[in-house]
C-alpha atoms as a PDB file:
ATOM      1  CA  MET A   1       7.961 -19.485   2.735  1.00  0.00           C
ATOM      2  CA  SER A   2       4.762 -17.458   2.665  1.00  0.00           C
ATOM      3  CA  SER A   3       4.166 -14.671   0.176  1.00  0.00           C
ATOM      4  CA  GLN A   4       4.578 -11.119   1.318  1.00  0.00           C
ATOM      5  CA  ARG A   5       2.020  -8.471   0.429  1.00  0.00           C
ATOM      6  CA  LEU A   6       3.156  -5.066  -0.820  1.00  0.00           C
ATOM      7  CA  LEU A   7       0.749  -2.118  -0.917  1.00  0.00           C
ATOM      8  CA  VAL A   8       1.852   0.799  -3.115  1.00  0.00           C
ATOM      9  CA  VAL A   9      -0.192   4.001  -2.718  1.00  0.00           C
ATOM     10  CA  GLU A  10       0.672   6.327  -5.592  1.00  0.00           C
ATOM     11  CA  SER A  11      -1.495   8.351  -7.974  1.00  0.00           C
ATOM     12  CA  ASP A  12       0.955   8.016 -10.898  1.00  0.00           C
ATOM     13  CA  PRO A  13       0.478   4.579 -12.542  1.00  0.00           C
ATOM     14  CA  ALA A  14       4.012   4.596 -13.990  1.00  0.00           C
ATOM     15  CA  LEU A  15       5.515   5.166 -10.554  1.00  0.00           C
ATOM     16  CA  GLN A  16       3.287   2.438  -9.088  1.00  0.00           C
ATOM     17  CA  GLU A  17       4.671  -0.051 -11.607  1.00  0.00           C
ATOM     18  CA  LEU A  18       8.252   1.105 -11.070  1.00  0.00           C
ATOM     19  CA  LEU A  19       8.072   0.716  -7.286  1.00  0.00           C
ATOM     20  CA  ALA A  20       6.236  -2.607  -7.340  1.00  0.00           C
ATOM     21  CA  GLY A  21       8.569  -3.998  -9.996  1.00  0.00           C
ATOM     22  CA  ALA A  22      11.730  -2.868  -8.224  1.00  0.00           C
ATOM     23  CA  LEU A  23      10.716  -4.622  -4.999  1.00  0.00           C
ATOM     24  CA  LYS A  24       9.510  -7.776  -6.781  1.00  0.00           C
ATOM     25  CA  PRO A  25       7.015  -9.091  -4.231  1.00  0.00           C
ATOM     26  CA  GLY A  26       5.766 -11.720  -6.685  1.00  0.00           C
ATOM     27  CA  ASP A  27       2.066 -11.822  -7.373  1.00  0.00           C
ATOM     28  CA  CYS A  28       1.168 -10.212  -4.040  1.00  0.00           C
ATOM     29  CA  SER A  29       1.560  -6.595  -5.101  1.00  0.00           C
ATOM     30  CA  ILE A  30      -1.484  -4.385  -4.608  1.00  0.00           C
ATOM     31  CA  GLN A  31      -1.404  -0.948  -6.218  1.00  0.00           C
ATOM     32  CA  VAL A  32      -3.918   1.775  -5.421  1.00  0.00           C
ATOM     33  CA  SER A  33      -4.061   5.410  -6.438  1.00  0.00           C
ATOM     34  CA  ASP A  34      -5.359   7.126  -3.311  1.00  0.00           C
ATOM     35  CA  GLY A  35      -5.708   6.966   0.444  1.00  0.00           C
ATOM     36  CA  LYS A  36      -9.347   5.876   0.418  1.00  0.00           C
ATOM     37  CA  ASP A  37      -8.566   2.795  -1.666  1.00  0.00           C
ATOM     38  CA  ALA A  38      -5.516   2.091   0.505  1.00  0.00           C
ATOM     39  CA  MET A  39      -7.617   2.207   3.684  1.00  0.00           C
ATOM     40  CA  LYS A  40     -10.151  -0.162   2.133  1.00  0.00           C
ATOM     41  CA  SER A  41      -7.388  -2.549   1.095  1.00  0.00           C
ATOM     42  CA  LEU A  42      -5.717  -2.435   4.527  1.00  0.00           C
ATOM     43  CA  ARG A  43      -8.984  -3.185   6.293  1.00  0.00           C
ATOM     44  CA  GLN A  44      -9.615  -6.193   4.048  1.00  0.00           C
ATOM     45  CA  THR A  45      -6.127  -7.718   4.143  1.00  0.00           C
ATOM     46  CA  PRO A  46      -3.075  -6.569   6.123  1.00  0.00           C
ATOM     47  CA  CYS A  47       0.110  -5.922   4.188  1.00  0.00           C
ATOM     48  CA  ASP A  48       3.741  -6.647   5.005  1.00  0.00           C
ATOM     49  CA  VAL A  49       5.134  -3.538   3.290  1.00  0.00           C
ATOM     50  CA  LEU A  50       3.389  -0.220   2.668  1.00  0.00           C
ATOM     51  CA  ILE A  51       4.825   2.438   0.385  1.00  0.00           C
ATOM     52  CA  ALA A  52       2.942   5.734   0.359  1.00  0.00           C
ATOM     53  CA  GLY A  53       3.893   9.113  -0.981  1.00  0.00           C
ATOM     54  CA  PRO A  54       2.642  12.505   0.201  1.00  0.00           C
ATOM     55  CA  GLY A  55      -0.990  12.543   1.302  1.00  0.00           C
ATOM     56  CA  HIS A  56      -3.811  13.092  -1.137  1.00  0.00           C
ATOM     57  CA  ASN A  57      -7.472  13.674  -0.257  1.00  0.00           C
ATOM     58  CA  GLY A  58      -6.689  14.200   3.428  1.00  0.00           C
ATOM     59  CA  PHE A  59      -4.757  10.969   3.937  1.00  0.00           C
ATOM     60  CA  ASP A  60      -1.063  10.756   4.620  1.00  0.00           C
ATOM     61  CA  ALA A  61       1.448   7.931   4.909  1.00  0.00           C
ATOM     62  CA  LEU A  62       1.493   8.049   8.718  1.00  0.00           C
ATOM     63  CA  LYS A  63      -2.290   7.687   8.927  1.00  0.00           C
ATOM     64  CA  LEU A  64      -2.167   4.728   6.540  1.00  0.00           C
ATOM     65  CA  LEU A  65       0.595   3.097   8.600  1.00  0.00           C
ATOM     66  CA  GLN A  66      -1.477   3.508  11.766  1.00  0.00           C
ATOM     67  CA  ILE A  67      -4.477   1.856  10.091  1.00  0.00           C
ATOM     68  CA  GLY A  68      -2.281  -0.896   8.686  1.00  0.00           C
ATOM     69  CA  ARG A  69      -0.727  -1.591  12.067  1.00  0.00           C
ATOM     70  CA  ALA A  70      -4.134  -1.722  13.727  1.00  0.00           C
ATOM     71  CA  SER A  71      -5.378  -4.216  11.113  1.00  0.00           C
ATOM     72  CA  CYS A  72      -2.565  -6.632  12.056  1.00  0.00           C
ATOM     73  CA  ARG A  73      -3.708  -6.943  15.660  1.00  0.00           C
END
């Protein structure tokens, strides 16, 4: 079974850890604090699950999902 990649986009480090730990994706959890870092991560490596809160710095969860989906094609 291949590893799944989880991308958590959250500015609060404690909440990042809580979400990533609760979902237990193994060692394939990527945690970033803002939309710019999330976009960079998505363009480098697609993820299987994306968790993103309200938008910061002009990015929102829907925009990140659209970028993530496009990177899988």
